[in-house]
Amino acid sequence: MKCGCYFDTIAFAMQNFDAREVNMENSKIYGYMRVSSREQNEDRQRIALLEMGVSEKNIFMDKQSGKDFNRPQYKRMLKKLDSNSVLFVKSIDRLGRNYADLNEQWRIITKDKGADIVVIDMPLLDTRREKNLLGTFISDIVLALLSFVAENERTNIRQRQAEGIAAAKARGVKFGRPELPYPDNFRQVHSAWRRKKITLKQAAEACGMPVGTFYGKARRFEKSI
């Protein structure tokens, strides 16, 4: 089958499917949300889940990165899923961003648990649709495409960040917290330590800093004189 036929099949399926028409009377409905540690506003996801009929008590949320599935609320939610369950997520990247892990978790939920998944922003990713080979094929190929794009974008972002940092360093930009100045007694304490009058620990304590910090400053000080 040529690529054009794939998209014709997908377009036909979308024209003949309305996610809201699927009967959920006998299903246990759950929702999953994820926001990164930098994001604080999860209202958009919560509203979307509530509009799909998920009760507040059945919404699970993690505040952490989507790079893997080592998330407490996700694990708690996963234990509740069975063949009578439907899991709603706002978008595929809220479930996960890692291509291999995302596909594996999709398999666990839909095959091992026998539950259904509905991605609200992508109607084709609704495993309640056609319980046949065609429905499975469409969901799997769209999932593979979307998860690949999501991970590829993450890789591109990391590469752009690395290139930006390298370029900034080349221009003399320094990263991290600025180094604290040497304390007033540093030269005297350093001299006593190098002449073995005091120990490294005593020298660090005299300057009011950890041993590692004192040693690092001592090395830099020696290179500068």
Protein backbone atom coordinates (compact mmCIF):
# COMPACT_ATOMS: atom_id res chain seq x y z
CA MET A 1 0.00 0.00 0.00
CA LYS A 2 1.35 3.41 -0.99
CA CYS A 3 1.66 6.34 1.43
CA GLY A 4 -1.27 8.16 -0.21
CA CYS A 5 -3.53 5.22 0.55
CA TYR A 6 -2.57 5.36 4.24
CA PHE A 7 -3.70 8.97 4.47
CA ASP A 8 -6.87 8.28 2.48
CA THR A 9 -7.73 5.54 4.98
CA ILE A 10 -6.99 7.82 7.93
CA ALA A 11 -9.05 10.67 6.46
CA PHE A 12 -11.98 8.29 5.89
CA ALA A 13 -11.78 7.09 9.48
CA MET A 14 -11.82 10.67 10.79
CA GLN A 15 -14.87 11.57 8.69
CA ASN A 16 -16.81 8.65 10.09
CA PHE A 17 -15.84 8.95 13.73
CA ASP A 18 -16.93 11.24 16.53
CA ALA A 19 -15.12 10.58 19.82
CA ARG A 20 -18.14 11.75 21.82
CA GLU A 21 -20.40 9.13 20.24
CA VAL A 22 -18.55 6.17 21.77
CA ASN A 23 -20.57 4.59 24.58
CA MET A 24 -18.81 4.82 27.95
CA GLU A 25 -21.70 3.79 30.22
CA ASN A 26 -19.98 0.70 31.60
CA SER A 27 -16.45 2.07 31.60
CA LYS A 28 -14.30 3.35 34.43
CA ILE A 29 -13.09 6.76 33.29
CA TYR A 30 -9.67 8.11 34.29
CA GLY A 31 -7.65 11.14 33.31
CA TYR A 32 -3.93 11.81 33.42
CA MET A 33 -2.21 15.20 33.50
CA ARG A 34 1.44 16.16 33.50
CA VAL A 35 3.09 19.54 33.86
CA SER A 36 6.80 20.14 33.99
CA SER A 37 8.37 21.56 37.13
CA ARG A 38 8.59 24.93 35.35
CA GLU A 39 4.89 24.98 34.51
CA GLN A 40 2.41 25.84 37.23
CA ASN A 41 -0.91 26.17 35.38
CA GLU A 42 -2.58 22.85 34.70
CA ASP A 43 -6.09 24.32 34.28
CA ARG A 44 -6.23 23.77 30.51
CA GLN A 45 -5.64 20.05 30.88
CA ARG A 46 -8.01 19.70 33.83
CA ILE A 47 -10.86 21.50 32.05
CA ALA A 48 -10.42 19.31 28.95
CA LEU A 49 -10.58 16.14 31.07
CA LEU A 50 -13.65 17.30 33.00
CA GLU A 51 -15.40 18.15 29.71
CA MET A 52 -14.82 14.58 28.55
CA GLY A 53 -16.65 13.26 31.63
CA VAL A 54 -13.70 12.41 33.87
CA SER A 55 -14.54 13.02 37.54
CA GLU A 56 -12.16 15.11 39.63
CA LYS A 57 -11.37 12.16 41.90
CA ASN A 58 -10.18 10.08 38.93
CA ILE A 59 -7.69 12.64 37.60
CA PHE A 60 -4.03 11.90 38.31
CA MET A 61 -1.33 14.52 37.91
CA ASP A 62 2.47 14.56 38.03
CA LYS A 63 4.59 17.69 38.13
CA GLN A 64 7.79 16.57 36.47
CA SER A 65 9.51 16.00 33.16
CA GLY A 66 8.09 13.70 30.53
CA LYS A 67 11.47 12.16 29.71
CA ASP A 68 10.50 8.84 31.37
CA PHE A 69 7.60 7.16 33.17
CA ASN A 70 9.12 7.03 36.63
CA ARG A 71 6.32 9.19 38.01
CA PRO A 72 4.38 8.41 41.23
CA GLN A 73 0.88 9.42 40.09
CA TYR A 74 1.28 7.74 36.70
CA LYS A 75 2.23 4.48 38.42
CA ARG A 76 -0.71 4.81 40.80
CA MET A 77 -3.08 5.40 37.89
CA LEU A 78 -1.65 2.50 35.89
CA LYS A 79 -2.50 0.05 38.70
CA LYS A 80 -6.17 0.99 38.45
CA LEU A 81 -6.54 0.33 34.73
CA ASP A 82 -8.23 -2.83 33.45
CA SER A 83 -10.24 -3.96 30.44
CA ASN A 84 -13.21 -1.79 31.50
CA SER A 85 -11.15 1.40 31.77
CA VAL A 86 -10.77 4.40 29.50
CA LEU A 87 -7.83 6.75 30.02
CA PHE A 88 -8.05 10.34 28.74
CA VAL A 89 -5.06 12.64 28.18
CA LYS A 90 -5.15 16.14 26.69
CA SER A 91 -2.27 15.55 24.24
CA ILE A 92 0.24 12.82 23.55
CA ASP A 93 3.20 14.76 25.00
CA ARG A 94 1.37 14.99 28.36
CA LEU A 95 1.62 11.21 28.51
CA GLY A 96 5.31 11.11 27.59
CA ARG A 97 8.04 12.44 25.32
CA ASN A 98 10.45 9.54 24.95
CA TYR A 99 9.66 7.65 21.72
CA ALA A 100 10.57 4.15 22.88
CA ASP A 101 9.07 4.50 26.38
CA LEU A 102 5.87 6.06 25.08
CA ASN A 103 5.25 3.22 22.66
CA GLU A 104 5.99 0.66 25.38
CA GLN A 105 3.56 2.28 27.84
CA TRP A 106 0.91 2.50 25.13
CA ARG A 107 1.34 -1.25 24.59
CA ILE A 108 1.11 -1.98 28.33
CA ILE A 109 -2.09 0.05 28.70
CA THR A 110 -3.87 -1.20 25.58
CA LYS A 111 -2.55 -4.76 25.33
CA ASP A 112 -1.49 -5.92 28.82
CA LYS A 113 -4.15 -3.98 30.74
CA GLY A 114 -6.71 -4.12 27.96
CA ALA A 115 -7.73 -0.50 28.63
CA ASP A 116 -8.55 2.16 26.07
CA ILE A 117 -6.72 5.46 25.58
CA VAL A 118 -8.21 8.68 24.23
CA VAL A 119 -5.92 11.56 23.24
CA ILE A 120 -8.29 14.53 23.23
CA ASP A 121 -6.29 16.72 20.84
CA MET A 122 -5.85 13.88 18.33
CA PRO A 123 -9.15 12.04 17.60
CA LEU A 124 -7.35 9.34 15.62
CA LEU A 125 -5.61 8.28 18.84
CA ASP A 126 -8.76 6.79 20.34
CA THR A 127 -8.55 3.04 20.78
CA ARG A 128 -12.30 2.77 21.46
CA ARG A 129 -12.90 3.43 17.78
CA GLU A 130 -12.87 0.32 15.64
CA LYS A 131 -11.92 -2.82 17.53
CA ASN A 132 -10.39 -4.44 14.49
CA LEU A 133 -7.13 -4.59 12.59
CA LEU A 134 -7.81 -1.32 10.74
CA GLY A 135 -8.49 0.64 13.92
CA THR A 136 -5.39 -0.76 15.58
CA PHE A 137 -3.29 -0.05 12.51
CA ILE A 138 -4.42 3.59 12.33
CA SER A 139 -3.81 4.22 16.04
CA ASP A 140 -0.41 2.56 15.99
CA ILE A 141 0.89 4.37 12.92
CA VAL A 142 -0.32 7.79 14.14
CA LEU A 143 1.17 7.16 17.59
CA ALA A 144 4.50 6.14 16.08
CA LEU A 145 4.57 9.28 13.93
CA LEU A 146 3.60 11.69 16.72
CA SER A 147 5.92 10.21 19.34
CA PHE A 148 8.82 10.24 16.88
CA VAL A 149 8.17 13.91 16.09
CA ALA A 150 7.95 14.75 19.81
CA GLU A 151 11.27 13.07 20.62
CA ASN A 152 12.94 14.51 17.54
CA GLU A 153 11.91 17.98 18.68
CA ARG A 154 13.38 17.32 22.14
CA THR A 155 16.65 16.27 20.50
CA ASN A 156 16.68 19.42 18.37
CA ILE A 157 16.01 21.60 21.42
CA ARG A 158 18.91 20.02 23.32
CA GLN A 159 21.19 20.47 20.31
CA ARG A 160 20.19 24.13 19.93
CA GLN A 161 20.79 24.70 23.64
CA ALA A 162 24.23 23.09 23.46
CA GLU A 163 25.15 25.13 20.39
CA GLY A 164 23.93 28.32 22.08
CA ILE A 165 25.97 27.61 25.21
CA ALA A 166 29.07 26.83 23.17
CA ALA A 167 28.67 30.05 21.19
CA ALA A 168 28.16 32.07 24.37
CA LYS A 169 31.25 30.54 25.98
CA ALA A 170 33.24 31.41 22.88
CA ARG A 171 32.15 35.03 23.36
CA GLY A 172 33.39 34.91 26.95
CA VAL A 173 30.00 34.53 28.66
CA LYS A 174 30.33 32.74 31.98
CA PHE A 175 27.59 30.43 33.29
CA GLY A 176 26.67 29.48 36.83
CA ARG A 177 26.80 31.50 40.00
CA PRO A 178 29.58 34.09 40.16
CA GLU A 179 32.56 32.93 42.18
CA LEU A 180 32.79 34.41 45.66
CA PRO A 181 35.86 36.59 46.30
CA TYR A 182 38.76 35.32 48.37
CA PRO A 183 38.28 36.05 52.08
CA ASP A 184 40.62 38.67 53.57
CA ASN A 185 42.69 36.04 55.39
CA PHE A 186 42.99 33.68 52.42
CA ARG A 187 46.57 34.51 51.45
CA GLN A 188 47.78 34.10 55.04
CA VAL A 189 45.85 30.84 55.59
CA HIS A 190 46.95 29.47 52.23
CA SER A 191 50.60 30.16 53.07
CA ALA A 192 50.26 28.43 56.46
CA TRP A 193 48.63 25.41 54.81
CA ARG A 194 51.29 25.11 52.09
CA ARG A 195 54.02 25.34 54.75
CA LYS A 196 52.20 22.52 56.57
CA LYS A 197 51.57 24.66 59.62
CA ILE A 198 47.88 23.71 59.48
CA THR A 199 45.87 20.93 57.85
CA LEU A 200 43.63 21.35 54.82
CA LYS A 201 40.55 21.01 57.03
CA GLN A 202 41.84 23.67 59.43
CA ALA A 203 42.63 25.99 56.54
CA ALA A 204 39.11 25.57 55.12
CA GLU A 205 37.54 26.20 58.53
CA ALA A 206 39.67 29.31 59.02
CA CYS A 207 38.32 30.69 55.75
CA GLY A 208 34.75 29.63 56.52
CA MET A 209 34.29 27.33 53.55
CA PRO A 210 34.05 23.60 52.72
CA VAL A 211 37.29 21.70 52.16
CA GLY A 212 36.60 21.21 48.45
CA THR A 213 35.89 24.90 47.94
CA PHE A 214 39.07 25.94 49.73
CA TYR A 215 41.16 23.47 47.74
CA GLY A 216 39.70 24.65 44.44
CA LYS A 217 40.30 28.29 45.31
CA ALA A 218 43.84 27.43 46.40
CA ARG A 219 44.60 25.84 43.03
CA ARG A 220 43.22 28.84 41.15
CA PHE A 221 45.08 31.23 43.44
CA GLU A 222 48.37 29.43 42.82
CA LYS A 223 47.89 29.60 39.05
CA SER A 224 47.32 33.34 39.23
CA ILE A 225 50.55 34.19 41.06
